[in-house]
Amino acid sequence: MEYVRLGATGLKVSRICLGMMSYGDPASREWALPEAGAEPFVRLAADAGINFFDTADVYSTGVSEEITGRLLKKTFAHRDDYVLATKVRGSMGPGPNDQGLSRKHILAGIDASLRRLGVDHVDLYQIHRWDYETPIEETMEVLHDVVRAGKARYIGASSMFAWQLAKAQTVAERHGWTRFVAMQNHYNLVYREEEREMMPLCLDQGVGVIPWSPLARGLLTGSRTRDGQRHTTRASSDAFGDSLYREDDFDVVDQVRSVADGRGLPPAQIALAWLLHQPGVTAPIVGATKLNHLEDAIASVDVPLSPDEIKLLEQPYQPHPISGHS
């Protein structure tokens, strides 16, 4: 496994991050694995040298955090052996203050997440998209307070417009508050709109990029077909995924398969290797419900791509409407 700095920080993370959304309550997500099913994935990740794990309070309404905390404690000898990330913003209850990025919700949210995770701090505390109802000054100040209190080592953001990230960083810098060090955005071979503004901004500002859905919810590995077939449980019940991608994306999928066949490798390894070759990308966040999915992700770190192969993979791409920022 390779390790790199997260953006401009001194924090070293593995080039693959294991996304823990796949592990939680099957009653809330039919494809989610309970704790016993999740344990082999965390152990395989640790054995391969992965030290970076990402979850969120809203995944299975806290169950993912509980599973994540218990399994990391069982798998690693020391708390400092792994890098733990979680997120806040989504609805955690019926009340009007059970969501959002207000001071009230963030302070309640970090304490609740730490209780579920069974730790006294997280390494990366991320806002789960932009909150249009809360002034960014309020959000950045309370995140700074969370860091000063020792409850988070760093803070990060997720899908938003580049101007929003720039505004948040400027507000923090103006007041001497903690700045975001990571951007968890929607970026893969069939959705590359982040290359317009977000990726250059992150490169310029030293913000590490940790893309979600690096395999386009399985599209790049064949979970969906051009004629409408669905080959996985998640693909069969993923209305959000249906809204993200369209028919001409299968031209990219075909190209990935062509390059993969030429190399004698699974398409997942090629698609992830492409991401790992992109400037500014620290670690794709990979979700896995089959062990071979995680094995492919681990193997992708050692897959070199030639300039000609990268050109072939990128050639069929068609621009998309901006998504994932609401």
Protein backbone atom coordinates (compact mmCIF):
# COMPACT_ATOMS: atom_id res chain seq x y z
CA MET A 1 0.00 0.00 0.00
CA GLU A 2 1.16 3.52 -0.74
CA TYR A 3 0.66 6.40 1.71
CA VAL A 4 0.37 10.07 0.82
CA ARG A 5 -0.25 13.30 2.67
CA LEU A 6 -3.86 14.42 2.84
CA GLY A 7 -3.66 17.64 0.90
CA ALA A 8 -1.10 20.02 2.37
CA THR A 9 -1.31 18.49 5.87
CA GLY A 10 1.22 16.20 7.49
CA LEU A 11 -1.41 13.46 7.89
CA LYS A 12 -0.50 10.28 5.97
CA VAL A 13 -3.34 8.19 4.56
CA SER A 14 -3.50 5.10 2.37
CA ARG A 15 -4.26 5.65 -1.31
CA ILE A 16 -7.49 3.72 -0.86
CA CYS A 17 -10.12 4.71 1.72
CA LEU A 18 -12.66 2.09 2.77
CA GLY A 19 -16.13 3.62 2.71
CA MET A 20 -18.25 2.29 5.56
CA MET A 21 -21.69 3.22 4.16
CA SER A 22 -21.99 -0.38 2.96
CA TYR A 23 -22.09 -1.60 6.55
CA GLY A 24 -25.09 -0.90 8.74
CA ASP A 25 -28.70 -1.91 9.11
CA PRO A 26 -30.06 -4.03 6.22
CA ALA A 27 -33.52 -2.78 7.15
CA SER A 28 -32.51 0.73 6.09
CA ARG A 29 -30.52 -0.30 3.00
CA GLU A 30 -31.21 -3.79 1.67
CA TRP A 31 -27.65 -4.12 0.36
CA ALA A 32 -26.03 -3.08 3.66
CA LEU A 33 -24.03 -5.71 5.56
CA PRO A 34 -24.45 -6.12 9.34
CA GLU A 35 -21.43 -6.13 11.63
CA ALA A 36 -20.55 -9.81 11.19
CA GLY A 37 -20.61 -9.39 7.42
CA ALA A 38 -18.55 -6.21 7.57
CA GLU A 39 -15.74 -7.57 9.72
CA PRO A 40 -13.90 -9.50 6.94
CA PHE A 41 -13.72 -6.30 4.88
CA VAL A 42 -12.16 -4.26 7.67
CA ARG A 43 -9.67 -7.04 8.38
CA LEU A 44 -8.76 -7.41 4.70
CA ALA A 45 -8.32 -3.64 4.44
CA ALA A 46 -6.05 -3.55 7.50
CA ASP A 47 -4.01 -6.53 6.30
CA ALA A 48 -3.47 -4.75 2.97
CA GLY A 49 -2.28 -1.59 4.71
CA ILE A 50 -5.42 0.55 4.36
CA ASN A 51 -5.50 2.94 7.30
CA PHE A 52 -8.24 5.34 6.11
CA PHE A 53 -11.94 4.72 6.90
CA ASP A 54 -14.88 7.01 6.12
CA THR A 55 -18.42 6.95 7.52
CA ALA A 56 -21.20 9.44 8.39
CA ASP A 57 -23.79 9.94 11.11
CA VAL A 58 -26.69 9.43 8.66
CA TYR A 59 -25.50 6.07 7.31
CA SER A 60 -28.13 3.68 8.71
CA THR A 61 -28.93 6.52 11.15
CA GLY A 62 -25.82 5.94 13.23
CA VAL A 63 -25.50 2.16 12.93
CA SER A 64 -22.62 2.48 10.46
CA GLU A 65 -20.68 4.58 12.96
CA GLU A 66 -21.32 2.01 15.70
CA ILE A 67 -20.10 -0.85 13.50
CA THR A 68 -17.12 1.17 12.30
CA GLY A 69 -16.01 2.02 15.81
CA ARG A 70 -16.27 -1.52 17.12
CA LEU A 71 -14.53 -3.14 14.16
CA LEU A 72 -11.66 -0.67 14.06
CA LYS A 73 -11.09 -1.17 17.77
CA LYS A 74 -11.01 -4.97 17.26
CA THR A 75 -8.76 -4.79 14.20
CA PHE A 76 -6.13 -2.22 15.12
CA ALA A 77 -3.91 -2.37 18.18
CA HIS A 78 -3.82 1.39 18.72
CA ARG A 79 -6.13 4.31 17.94
CA ASP A 80 -3.33 6.15 16.14
CA ASP A 81 -2.90 3.24 13.70
CA TYR A 82 -5.91 4.34 11.64
CA VAL A 83 -7.40 7.54 10.25
CA LEU A 84 -11.10 7.87 11.03
CA ALA A 85 -13.42 10.21 9.13
CA THR A 86 -17.10 10.92 9.63
CA LYS A 87 -19.60 13.52 8.46
CA VAL A 88 -22.38 15.76 9.78
CA ARG A 89 -25.38 17.57 8.30
CA GLY A 90 -28.06 15.04 7.46
CA SER A 91 -31.27 14.46 9.37
CA MET A 92 -30.76 12.47 12.57
CA GLY A 93 -34.24 12.91 14.01
CA PRO A 94 -37.65 14.55 13.57
CA GLY A 95 -36.82 17.86 15.21
CA PRO A 96 -36.06 21.06 13.29
CA ASN A 97 -32.53 21.17 14.75
CA ASP A 98 -31.72 17.52 14.10
CA GLN A 99 -30.01 18.40 10.83
CA GLY A 100 -28.01 21.14 9.16
CA LEU A 101 -24.75 22.91 9.96
CA SER A 102 -25.86 25.19 12.79
CA ARG A 103 -23.76 25.56 15.92
CA LYS A 104 -26.39 23.64 17.85
CA HIS A 105 -26.49 20.66 15.50
CA ILE A 106 -22.74 20.38 14.94
CA LEU A 107 -21.93 20.43 18.65
CA ALA A 108 -24.61 17.80 19.31
CA GLY A 109 -23.53 15.87 16.23
CA ILE A 110 -19.84 15.54 17.08
CA ASP A 111 -20.62 14.33 20.61
CA ALA A 112 -23.15 11.78 19.31
CA SER A 113 -20.74 10.54 16.64
CA LEU A 114 -17.93 10.11 19.16
CA ARG A 115 -20.25 8.11 21.43
CA ARG A 116 -21.31 5.82 18.58
CA LEU A 117 -17.74 5.41 17.35
CA GLY A 118 -16.42 4.79 20.86
CA VAL A 119 -13.51 7.21 20.49
CA ASP A 120 -12.54 10.56 21.96
CA HIS A 121 -11.76 12.17 18.60
CA VAL A 122 -12.08 11.72 14.86
CA ASP A 123 -9.23 12.52 12.53
CA LEU A 124 -11.38 14.16 9.85
CA TYR A 125 -14.77 15.76 10.54
CA GLN A 126 -16.60 16.68 7.34
CA ILE A 127 -19.67 18.71 6.52
CA HIS A 128 -22.02 16.56 4.46
CA ARG A 129 -22.70 19.07 1.64
CA TRP A 130 -23.56 22.77 1.89
CA ASP A 131 -26.25 24.13 4.20
CA TYR A 132 -28.07 26.97 2.47
CA GLU A 133 -29.93 27.93 5.66
CA THR A 134 -26.95 28.50 7.96
CA PRO A 135 -24.40 31.32 7.53
CA ILE A 136 -21.04 29.84 6.62
CA GLU A 137 -19.47 32.03 9.31
CA GLU A 138 -21.47 30.14 11.97
CA THR A 139 -20.44 26.78 10.54
CA MET A 140 -16.73 27.55 10.20
CA GLU A 141 -16.52 29.01 13.71
CA VAL A 142 -18.11 25.99 15.37
CA LEU A 143 -15.94 23.60 13.34
CA HIS A 144 -12.92 25.53 14.59
CA ASP A 145 -14.23 25.11 18.13
CA VAL A 146 -14.59 21.35 17.57
CA VAL A 147 -10.94 21.17 16.54
CA ARG A 148 -9.79 23.38 19.43
CA ALA A 149 -11.69 21.11 21.82
CA GLY A 150 -9.68 18.13 20.56
CA LYS A 151 -12.71 16.33 19.17
CA ALA A 152 -11.42 16.45 15.57
CA ARG A 153 -7.90 16.77 14.23
CA TYR A 154 -8.89 18.18 10.81
CA ILE A 155 -12.03 19.29 9.01
CA GLY A 156 -13.23 18.55 5.50
CA ALA A 157 -16.08 19.34 3.13
CA SER A 158 -18.10 17.36 0.59
CA SER A 159 -19.94 18.01 -2.66
CA MET A 160 -20.50 21.71 -3.25
CA PHE A 161 -19.72 24.37 -5.82
CA ALA A 162 -16.14 25.61 -6.04
CA TRP A 163 -17.21 29.15 -5.11
CA GLN A 164 -18.70 27.78 -1.89
CA LEU A 165 -15.48 26.04 -0.89
CA ALA A 166 -13.54 29.20 -1.75
CA LYS A 167 -15.91 31.29 0.37
CA ALA A 168 -15.65 28.93 3.34
CA GLN A 169 -11.85 28.95 3.17
CA THR A 170 -11.76 32.73 2.93
CA VAL A 171 -14.09 33.14 5.93
CA ALA A 172 -11.91 30.79 7.99
CA GLU A 173 -8.68 32.51 6.96
CA ARG A 174 -10.11 35.97 7.69
CA HIS A 175 -10.97 34.99 11.25
CA GLY A 176 -8.01 32.73 11.97
CA TRP A 177 -10.23 29.64 12.09
CA THR A 178 -9.44 26.11 10.95
CA ARG A 179 -9.65 25.61 7.17
CA PHE A 180 -10.88 22.59 5.25
CA VAL A 181 -8.09 20.17 4.31
CA ALA A 182 -10.13 17.69 2.26
CA MET A 183 -12.90 17.68 -0.36
CA GLN A 184 -15.08 14.58 -0.70
CA ASN A 185 -16.62 15.09 -4.12
CA HIS A 186 -18.38 13.23 -6.92
CA TYR A 187 -15.64 12.37 -9.40
CA ASN A 188 -15.12 9.38 -11.69
CA LEU A 189 -14.66 8.51 -15.36
CA VAL A 190 -18.32 9.13 -16.20
CA TYR A 191 -18.69 12.30 -14.11
CA ARG A 192 -15.78 14.68 -14.61
CA GLU A 193 -17.43 18.07 -14.18
CA GLU A 194 -15.27 18.65 -11.09
CA GLU A 195 -12.34 19.17 -13.47
CA ARG A 196 -13.81 22.55 -14.46
CA GLU A 197 -13.30 24.40 -11.17
CA MET A 198 -13.19 22.20 -8.07
CA MET A 199 -10.11 20.14 -8.92
CA PRO A 200 -8.00 23.19 -9.91
CA LEU A 201 -9.14 25.00 -6.74
CA CYS A 202 -8.18 22.06 -4.53
CA LEU A 203 -4.79 21.75 -6.23
CA ASP A 204 -4.13 25.45 -5.79
CA GLN A 205 -5.22 25.51 -2.15
CA GLY A 206 -3.62 22.22 -1.05
CA VAL A 207 -6.95 20.52 -0.36
CA GLY A 208 -6.84 16.73 -0.69
CA VAL A 209 -9.51 15.16 -2.90
CA ILE A 210 -11.17 11.95 -1.72
CA PRO A 211 -13.81 11.15 -4.35
CA TRP A 212 -17.02 9.31 -3.54
CA SER A 213 -18.55 6.84 -6.00
CA PRO A 214 -15.23 6.28 -7.83
CA LEU A 215 -16.82 3.42 -9.81
CA ALA A 216 -20.04 5.34 -10.52
CA ARG A 217 -22.09 3.13 -8.19
CA GLY A 218 -20.88 0.04 -10.07
CA LEU A 219 -21.69 1.39 -13.52
CA LEU A 220 -18.02 1.20 -14.52
CA THR A 221 -17.85 -2.44 -13.47
CA GLY A 222 -20.99 -3.66 -15.23
CA SER A 223 -23.63 -3.46 -12.50
CA ARG A 224 -25.93 -1.81 -15.07
CA THR A 225 -26.17 -2.40 -18.79
CA ARG A 226 -27.10 -0.25 -21.75
CA ASP A 227 -30.33 -2.21 -22.24
CA GLY A 228 -31.49 -1.60 -18.66
CA GLN A 229 -30.39 -4.75 -16.89
CA ARG A 230 -29.41 -4.51 -13.20
CA HIS A 231 -26.93 -7.08 -11.94
CA THR A 232 -26.66 -6.16 -8.26
CA THR A 233 -29.11 -5.59 -5.42
CA ARG A 234 -28.00 -1.99 -5.09
CA ALA A 235 -28.31 -1.23 -8.80
CA SER A 236 -31.85 -2.62 -8.73
CA SER A 237 -32.96 -0.22 -5.99
CA ASP A 238 -30.81 2.86 -6.56
CA ALA A 239 -33.04 5.67 -7.80
CA PHE A 240 -30.36 8.25 -6.98
CA GLY A 241 -27.87 6.40 -9.16
CA ASP A 242 -30.40 6.32 -11.98
CA SER A 243 -30.57 10.11 -11.83
CA LEU A 244 -26.79 10.56 -12.02
CA TYR A 245 -25.93 8.67 -15.18
CA ARG A 246 -27.29 8.32 -18.70
CA GLU A 247 -27.03 6.23 -21.86
CA ASP A 248 -23.96 7.86 -23.43
CA ASP A 249 -22.02 7.03 -20.25
CA PHE A 250 -21.96 3.45 -21.51
CA ASP A 251 -19.52 4.59 -24.22
CA VAL A 252 -17.08 5.26 -21.38
CA VAL A 253 -17.94 1.92 -19.77
CA ASP A 254 -17.18 0.16 -23.06
CA GLN A 255 -13.82 1.92 -23.29
CA VAL A 256 -12.92 0.91 -19.74
CA ARG A 257 -13.74 -2.69 -20.58
CA SER A 258 -11.67 -2.49 -23.76
CA VAL A 259 -8.59 -1.20 -21.92
CA ALA A 260 -9.15 -3.73 -19.13
CA ASP A 261 -9.40 -6.62 -21.60
CA GLY A 262 -6.20 -5.46 -23.26
CA ARG A 263 -4.41 -5.57 -19.92
CA GLY A 264 -6.09 -8.75 -18.68
CA LEU A 265 -7.44 -6.89 -15.64
CA PRO A 266 -10.92 -6.31 -14.17
CA PRO A 267 -12.57 -3.01 -15.23
CA ALA A 268 -12.65 -1.83 -11.61
CA GLN A 269 -8.86 -1.80 -11.43
CA ILE A 270 -8.60 0.29 -14.59
CA ALA A 271 -11.28 2.80 -13.50
CA LEU A 272 -9.71 3.24 -10.06
CA ALA A 273 -6.20 3.44 -11.51
CA TRP A 274 -7.39 6.30 -13.72
CA LEU A 275 -8.58 8.22 -10.64
CA LEU A 276 -5.31 7.55 -8.83
CA HIS A 277 -3.45 9.08 -11.78
CA GLN A 278 -5.40 12.36 -11.52
CA PRO A 279 -3.52 15.31 -9.97
CA GLY A 280 -4.89 16.20 -6.56
CA VAL A 281 -6.65 12.89 -5.88
CA THR A 282 -5.52 11.55 -2.51
CA ALA A 283 -7.65 8.43 -2.03
CA PRO A 284 -10.87 7.27 -3.70
CA ILE A 285 -13.50 6.15 -1.17
CA VAL A 286 -14.36 2.59 -2.11
CA GLY A 287 -17.47 0.80 -0.86
CA ALA A 288 -17.44 -2.99 -0.99
CA THR A 289 -19.96 -5.72 -0.24
CA LYS A 290 -17.95 -8.49 -1.91
CA LEU A 291 -14.35 -9.20 -0.96
CA ASN A 292 -13.18 -9.23 -4.58
CA HIS A 293 -14.41 -5.63 -4.89
CA LEU A 294 -12.01 -4.58 -2.14
CA GLU A 295 -9.24 -6.76 -3.58
CA ASP A 296 -9.61 -4.96 -6.93
CA ALA A 297 -9.39 -1.59 -5.18
CA ILE A 298 -6.22 -2.61 -3.37
CA ALA A 299 -4.67 -3.95 -6.58
CA SER A 300 -5.46 -0.74 -8.48
CA VAL A 301 -2.79 1.13 -6.54
CA ASP A 302 -0.15 -0.86 -8.45
CA VAL A 303 -1.70 -0.47 -11.92
CA PRO A 304 0.25 2.00 -14.09
CA LEU A 305 -1.58 3.56 -17.03
CA SER A 306 0.19 4.90 -20.09
CA PRO A 307 -0.66 8.35 -21.51
CA ASP A 308 -2.28 6.58 -24.48
CA GLU A 309 -4.47 4.47 -22.19
CA ILE A 310 -5.54 7.53 -20.22
CA LYS A 311 -6.40 9.29 -23.48
CA LEU A 312 -8.50 6.31 -24.60
CA LEU A 313 -10.37 6.20 -21.29
CA GLU A 314 -11.15 9.91 -21.39
CA GLN A 315 -12.02 10.26 -25.09
CA PRO A 316 -15.74 9.21 -25.02
CA TYR A 317 -16.71 11.52 -22.16
CA GLN A 318 -19.64 13.90 -22.68
CA PRO A 319 -20.33 16.87 -20.36
CA HIS A 320 -23.01 16.39 -17.70
CA PRO A 321 -25.31 18.68 -15.77
CA ILE A 322 -23.77 19.60 -12.43
CA SER A 323 -24.96 17.12 -9.79
CA GLY A 324 -24.45 16.24 -6.16
CA HIS A 325 -24.28 19.81 -4.81
CA SER A 326 -27.74 20.06 -3.24
